[in-house]
Structures are given as structure tokens and as C-alpha cells.
Protein backbone atom coordinates (compact mmCIF):
# COMPACT_ATOMS: atom_id res chain seq x y z
CA MET A 1 61.85 -39.98 80.74
CA THR A 2 63.75 -42.18 83.16
CA ALA A 3 67.45 -43.00 83.21
CA GLU A 4 66.55 -46.59 82.30
CA THR A 5 64.86 -45.35 79.12
CA PHE A 6 67.91 -43.28 78.22
CA GLY A 7 70.12 -46.32 78.79
CA SER A 8 68.04 -48.61 76.58
CA THR A 9 67.93 -45.94 73.83
CA GLY A 10 71.71 -45.56 73.96
CA GLN A 11 72.19 -49.33 73.75
CA ALA A 12 69.87 -49.54 70.75
CA LYS A 13 71.78 -46.79 68.97
CA GLY A 14 75.06 -48.52 69.75
CA ILE A 15 73.79 -51.82 68.34
CA LEU A 16 72.48 -50.12 65.21
CA GLY A 17 75.78 -48.29 64.81
CA ARG A 18 77.74 -51.55 65.03
CA ILE A 19 75.40 -53.24 62.56
CA GLY A 20 75.79 -50.34 60.12
CA TYR A 21 79.56 -50.48 60.51
CA TRP A 22 79.80 -54.19 59.78
CA LEU A 23 77.39 -53.88 56.85
CA SER A 24 79.57 -51.15 55.32
CA VAL A 25 82.69 -53.24 55.92
CA GLY A 26 81.06 -56.30 54.36
CA LEU A 27 79.89 -54.29 51.35
CA THR A 28 83.39 -52.86 50.90
CA TYR A 29 84.98 -56.31 50.97
CA GLY A 30 82.33 -57.61 48.58
CA LEU A 31 82.97 -54.83 46.06
CA ALA A 32 86.73 -55.33 46.39
CA ALA A 33 86.35 -59.07 45.74
CA LEU A 34 84.10 -58.38 42.74
CA TRP A 35 86.67 -55.98 41.30
CA ALA A 36 89.48 -58.45 41.90
CA VAL A 37 87.82 -61.41 40.11
CA PRO A 38 89.08 -60.50 36.59
CA VAL A 39 92.62 -59.96 37.88
CA ILE A 40 92.58 -63.23 39.82
CA TRP A 41 91.23 -65.07 36.79
CA ALA A 42 93.92 -63.59 34.54
CA PHE A 43 96.63 -64.70 36.98
CA VAL A 44 95.18 -68.21 37.31
CA ALA A 45 94.69 -68.55 33.55
CA SER A 46 98.29 -67.49 32.92
CA LEU A 47 99.46 -70.48 35.00
CA ARG A 48 97.61 -73.05 32.88
CA PRO A 49 99.63 -75.21 30.47
CA PRO A 50 99.95 -73.27 27.18
CA ASP A 51 98.41 -76.06 25.08
CA ASP A 52 95.51 -76.70 27.45
CA PRO A 53 92.33 -75.35 25.80
CA MET A 54 89.64 -73.59 27.80
CA GLY A 55 86.09 -74.83 27.54
CA ARG A 56 82.77 -74.07 29.13
CA GLY A 57 83.03 -74.78 32.84
CA ASP A 58 86.81 -75.14 32.60
CA VAL A 59 88.21 -71.61 32.79
CA TRP A 60 90.03 -71.72 36.10
CA LEU A 61 92.80 -73.99 37.37
CA SER A 62 94.27 -76.70 35.23
CA PHE A 63 97.13 -78.81 36.54
CA PRO A 64 100.07 -78.83 36.41
CA LEU A 65 100.57 -75.12 37.06
CA THR A 66 103.44 -73.66 35.07
CA LEU A 67 105.28 -70.41 34.30
CA GLU A 68 105.87 -71.50 30.72
CA ASN A 69 103.39 -68.95 29.38
CA TYR A 70 105.47 -66.06 30.72
CA GLN A 71 108.66 -67.50 29.25
CA LYS A 72 107.03 -68.09 25.87
CA ALA A 73 105.37 -64.66 25.77
CA TRP A 74 108.72 -63.01 26.59
CA SER A 75 110.41 -64.95 23.78
CA LEU A 76 107.74 -64.24 21.15
CA ALA A 77 107.92 -60.44 21.46
CA PRO A 78 110.73 -58.06 22.50
CA PHE A 79 109.17 -57.09 25.82
CA ASN A 80 112.58 -55.97 27.07
CA LEU A 81 112.59 -53.22 24.43
CA TYR A 82 108.99 -52.33 25.24
CA TYR A 83 109.87 -51.95 28.92
CA VAL A 84 112.87 -49.73 28.18
CA THR A 85 110.78 -47.50 25.91
CA THR A 86 107.90 -47.23 28.39
CA ILE A 87 110.16 -46.39 31.33
CA ALA A 88 112.10 -43.86 29.24
CA VAL A 89 108.88 -42.14 28.10
CA VAL A 90 107.33 -42.05 31.58
CA VAL A 91 110.51 -40.72 33.22
CA THR A 92 111.03 -38.10 30.48
CA VAL A 93 107.45 -36.85 30.68
CA LEU A 94 107.53 -36.67 34.47
CA ALA A 95 110.88 -34.86 34.56
CA VAL A 96 109.70 -32.18 32.13
CA GLN A 97 106.26 -31.90 33.72
CA PHE A 98 107.79 -31.31 37.16
CA VAL A 99 109.55 -28.26 35.75
CA THR A 100 106.72 -26.87 33.63
CA ILE A 101 103.85 -27.29 36.09
CA THR A 102 105.75 -26.01 39.13
CA LEU A 103 107.01 -22.93 37.32
CA ALA A 104 103.62 -22.20 35.76
CA ALA A 105 101.81 -22.76 39.06
CA PHE A 106 104.32 -20.55 40.88
CA ALA A 107 103.76 -17.73 38.39
CA PHE A 108 99.97 -17.94 38.73
CA ALA A 109 100.03 -18.23 42.54
CA HIS A 110 102.77 -15.73 43.40
CA TYR A 111 102.80 -12.98 40.81
CA ARG A 112 100.24 -10.44 39.70
CA PHE A 113 100.30 -9.51 36.04
CA ALA A 114 97.90 -8.29 33.37
CA GLY A 115 95.75 -11.01 31.83
CA LYS A 116 96.58 -13.59 34.48
CA ARG A 117 92.96 -14.72 34.91
CA TRP A 118 92.38 -15.04 31.16
CA LEU A 119 95.63 -16.92 30.61
CA PHE A 120 94.78 -19.37 33.38
CA PHE A 121 91.27 -19.73 31.93
CA PHE A 122 92.69 -20.72 28.52
CA ILE A 123 95.03 -23.22 30.17
CA LEU A 124 92.10 -24.84 31.97
CA LEU A 125 90.14 -24.82 28.72
CA GLN A 126 92.54 -27.48 27.44
CA LEU A 127 91.00 -29.93 29.94
CA MET A 128 87.75 -29.79 27.96
CA ILE A 129 89.36 -30.65 24.60
CA PRO A 130 89.12 -34.40 23.83
CA THR A 131 92.50 -36.04 23.32
CA THR A 132 91.36 -37.55 20.02
CA ALA A 133 90.69 -34.06 18.62
CA LEU A 134 94.40 -33.27 18.91
CA LEU A 135 95.71 -36.42 17.22
CA ALA A 136 95.84 -34.97 13.69
CA PRO A 137 97.59 -31.64 14.53
CA ASN A 138 99.99 -33.38 16.90
CA PHE A 139 100.85 -35.98 14.27
CA SER A 140 101.42 -33.24 11.70
CA THR A 141 103.75 -31.45 14.12
CA ILE A 142 105.71 -34.64 14.83
CA ARG A 143 106.10 -35.28 11.10
CA THR A 144 107.29 -31.72 10.50
CA LEU A 145 109.87 -32.01 13.27
CA GLY A 146 111.11 -35.31 11.83
CA LEU A 147 110.45 -37.19 15.07
CA PHE A 148 108.13 -39.90 13.76
CA ASP A 149 108.83 -43.36 15.22
CA THR A 150 110.89 -42.07 18.14
CA ARG A 151 110.41 -42.12 21.90
CA LEU A 152 110.48 -38.34 21.97
CA ALA A 153 107.46 -38.27 19.65
CA ILE A 154 105.41 -40.12 22.29
CA ALA A 155 106.49 -37.80 25.09
CA ILE A 156 106.42 -34.30 23.54
CA PRO A 157 102.61 -33.70 23.58
CA TYR A 158 102.57 -34.27 27.34
CA PHE A 159 105.40 -31.95 28.37
CA GLY A 160 102.82 -29.44 29.56
CA SER A 161 99.88 -30.39 31.76
CA ALA A 162 96.88 -28.15 32.37
CA PHE A 163 95.69 -30.48 35.12
CA GLY A 164 99.09 -30.46 36.83
CA THR A 165 99.30 -26.67 36.60
CA PHE A 166 95.87 -26.29 38.17
CA LEU A 167 96.66 -28.81 40.90
CA MET A 168 99.97 -27.21 41.89
CA ARG A 169 98.54 -23.68 41.73
CA GLN A 170 95.86 -24.68 44.22
CA ALA A 171 98.51 -26.21 46.47
CA PHE A 172 100.69 -23.08 46.28
CA LEU A 173 97.70 -20.88 47.14
CA GLU A 174 97.37 -22.81 50.42
CA VAL A 175 100.84 -21.66 51.51
CA PRO A 176 100.40 -18.89 54.14
CA ARG A 177 101.13 -15.46 52.69
CA ASP A 178 102.86 -14.44 55.90
CA LEU A 179 105.43 -17.18 55.32
CA VAL A 180 106.03 -15.93 51.78
CA ASP A 181 106.40 -12.33 52.99
CA ALA A 182 108.88 -13.47 55.62
CA GLY A 183 110.96 -15.13 52.91
CA ILE A 184 110.92 -11.97 50.81
CA ILE A 185 112.01 -9.86 53.80
CA ASP A 186 114.89 -12.28 54.42
CA GLY A 187 116.08 -11.67 50.86
CA CYS A 188 114.91 -14.81 49.09
CA ASN A 189 114.80 -14.60 45.30
CA TRP A 190 112.05 -16.31 43.28
CA TRP A 191 113.92 -19.59 43.03
CA GLN A 192 114.54 -19.73 46.79
CA LEU A 193 110.89 -18.91 47.48
CA LEU A 194 109.82 -21.76 45.23
CA ARG A 195 112.36 -24.23 46.59
CA HIS A 196 112.14 -23.52 50.31
CA ILE A 197 108.66 -22.09 50.90
CA TYR A 198 106.22 -23.21 48.19
CA LEU A 199 107.42 -26.72 47.36
CA PRO A 200 107.91 -28.39 50.80
CA PRO A 201 104.24 -28.22 51.92
CA SER A 202 103.11 -29.05 48.37
CA MET A 203 105.07 -32.29 48.00
CA PRO A 204 102.05 -34.58 48.70
CA THR A 205 100.20 -32.86 45.85
CA LEU A 206 103.19 -33.21 43.55
CA THR A 207 103.48 -36.88 44.51
CA ALA A 208 99.80 -37.47 43.76
CA PHE A 209 100.20 -35.85 40.36
CA ALA A 210 103.32 -37.94 39.66
CA LEU A 211 101.46 -41.17 40.47
CA SER A 212 98.51 -40.15 38.33
CA SER A 213 100.70 -39.05 35.43
CA ALA A 214 102.92 -42.14 35.55
CA SER A 215 99.96 -44.55 35.55
CA TRP A 216 98.32 -42.61 32.71
CA HIS A 217 101.40 -42.61 30.46
CA TRP A 218 102.25 -46.21 31.31
CA ASN A 219 98.81 -47.21 30.00
CA GLU A 220 98.68 -44.73 27.09
CA PHE A 221 97.75 -46.60 23.91
CA LEU A 222 96.27 -44.59 21.03
CA TRP A 223 98.96 -41.94 20.56
CA PRO A 224 101.92 -44.39 20.72
CA MET A 225 100.17 -46.61 18.16
CA ILE A 226 99.93 -43.66 15.76
CA VAL A 227 103.50 -42.32 16.02
CA THR A 228 105.49 -45.57 16.32
CA ASN A 229 106.29 -48.14 13.69
CA SER A 230 109.25 -50.15 14.97
CA GLU A 231 109.95 -52.43 17.90
CA THR A 232 112.57 -50.12 19.41
CA SER A 233 110.13 -47.23 19.81
CA ARG A 234 106.96 -49.11 20.82
CA PRO A 235 105.88 -48.92 24.46
CA LEU A 236 104.29 -51.83 26.30
CA THR A 237 100.69 -51.08 25.32
CA ALA A 238 101.44 -50.87 21.60
CA GLY A 239 103.73 -53.88 21.89
CA LEU A 240 100.96 -55.88 23.53
CA VAL A 241 98.69 -55.17 20.55
CA ARG A 242 101.46 -56.31 18.22
CA PHE A 243 101.84 -59.44 20.35
CA THR A 244 98.15 -60.34 19.98
CA GLN A 245 98.50 -60.13 16.18
CA LEU A 246 101.20 -62.80 16.01
CA GLY A 247 100.20 -65.97 14.22
CA GLU A 248 101.43 -68.13 17.11
CA ILE A 249 98.91 -66.62 19.52
CA GLY A 250 95.44 -67.16 18.09
CA ALA A 251 92.96 -67.70 20.92
CA ARG A 252 95.49 -69.02 23.43
CA TRP A 253 94.18 -67.20 26.47
CA SER A 254 96.90 -68.41 28.79
CA LEU A 255 99.54 -66.67 26.66
CA LEU A 256 97.44 -63.52 26.31
CA THR A 257 96.83 -63.23 30.04
CA ALA A 258 100.51 -63.82 30.79
CA ALA A 259 101.53 -61.03 28.40
CA THR A 260 98.85 -58.70 29.79
CA LEU A 261 100.00 -59.28 33.36
CA MET A 262 103.61 -58.60 32.38
CA VAL A 263 102.49 -55.20 31.08
CA ALA A 264 100.41 -54.36 34.17
CA ALA A 265 102.67 -55.94 36.80
CA PRO A 266 104.89 -52.90 37.59
CA LEU A 267 101.91 -50.69 38.47
CA PHE A 268 100.40 -53.45 40.61
CA LEU A 269 103.68 -53.96 42.46
CA VAL A 270 104.18 -50.24 43.09
CA PHE A 271 100.67 -49.96 44.52
CA LEU A 272 101.13 -53.05 46.70
CA VAL A 273 104.48 -51.82 48.04
CA LEU A 274 103.39 -48.20 48.62
CA PRO A 275 99.64 -48.29 49.35
CA ARG A 276 99.78 -45.78 52.20
CA ARG A 277 101.79 -43.35 50.07
CA PHE A 278 99.17 -43.58 47.33
CA ILE A 279 96.22 -43.01 49.64
CA ARG A 280 97.86 -40.26 51.70
CA SER A 281 98.94 -38.30 48.62
CA PHE A 282 95.55 -38.51 46.91
CA LEU A 283 93.66 -37.59 50.08
CA HIS A 284 95.89 -34.57 50.63
CA SER A 285 95.56 -33.34 47.05
CA GLY A 286 91.85 -34.02 46.70
CA ILE A 287 92.24 -36.21 43.57
CA LYS A 288 89.48 -38.83 43.24
């Protein structure tokens, strides 16, 4: 085979490689645009005049564009209380979870004790239990504790996380044992080992879990609907359902989309501001 043949073969492979690359890029952009259509439509619909009805073939722009829907939605329901409750619940859950999952993961990764494998197995077994199967016993517990219709009632069932424990344990197991032994020789106690040796290389994993947990609890709907009954204790998702049941709403899609976007806006903004942090943390931790 001549050098000319090798050259033509290499050129053909290069052309095919470029074509494959641009096809994959085009497909990615196409899927992204397809996914974004509902969000774009909701944003456009929220800018329509509130009394402008939508008809067949008339579901997009309608002039003049206005922010009146956001102002009216904010005035019809106490979204300020819903925001305070949601932020308080998310922050409380995350703060407690950081303590529980790091301590539990440290115990499973660092210590050897009888029954460790079985105990970890039973913790992971919780991942296979449907959330709906725990609604009745959790509700009974909340009633017994006298916490019904409080923010704490929403947060308590999530203070422990089997998924977070598993994730952090795997991250701690990646820490070189020689580094841990060096810390022990230098006189580090368990708290210093956790703080200075285990946690620093595991921060991307902890960040990924925090992002996942925060988005999950921000969007949690069923449990808050069951254990709340007043405006001061309702989070955004339950408040949005209450908003749709108001007599002033009906089928006014511009108001509904405005209220929905107000609920989802913080998560969108966080992702737009910190996209690299999201991607880097999830790639490092292996979460899909």
C-alpha cells in the first residue's frame, strides 16, 4: 500500500470524524431546544396581558408585553411566606444532613466494628422503599410529636439520608489510607481526621449531594401537602396548588405560568449562575 493510499485513507477518516462531531453537536442542540420549548412558552405566556384569552393558533406572543401577571400572582397568594418556609426547610434539612451523612459515612469508612456490613446493608435498603409507603407512619409520628402544620414537620423525615451516606462513604474510601495513617501518627483525633483528611478531597461529592438534596426538597410536594394546613407553614409547591384553586384564577394560563415560574425561578438562576460548579461536582461524584 502506497503512501498516497495512506494519505487518502487518513483524510477520509478525518472528514468522517468531523461529520460525526458536527452531527452529535447538532443533535445535542436540537434536544436542548426541544427540552427548552415548554420553559420558553411558559415565560412568553406569562408576559401576555392577564385578560387576553388563548385560542387555537394564538398561544405565543400577544402585545403589549407586561409584567402584570407576576404582580397579580404575588398579590393573590402569600408567596413571600411560601418562600420563607421553603428556604427555611431546605436550609434546615441540608444543615442536619451534612452532620448525619458525614458522621455516618466516616464511621463506615474509617472504623471496623461488628455488624458493619449488615448495618450498611439495612441503610441502603431504605433506598428501595417507596416514599409513599412511609407517608402513613411518618404522619402518625408527626401527630404524636405535636408537630403537625409546622416547618419542622416537613423537614424531620429527611434528616437522615441513605443516599447521602452511601455517597460520602464511597468518597471517604477514595482517601489514601497512607494519608489517614500519617494523620493518626501525628496525633489527630477522630474529629481532626474527619475535618482535615477526609472532608477536603470529598468536598465536590458533598457539593453534588447538596445540590441534589436542595433541588429535591425545593420541589417536594406530596409530604408538605399532607402535614401543612396554614399559609405560614406551606412551602412553594403546596402554595402553588393552593393558588391554582383560587376562584380568581380559573383557566387564566398567563397567571398560572407566572406563578409557576416564580416557584421555579431560584433553581433556574442558581444553575445559570453556577453551571460549571454543577457539572464539575456531579462528574466528580458520579451522580447522573
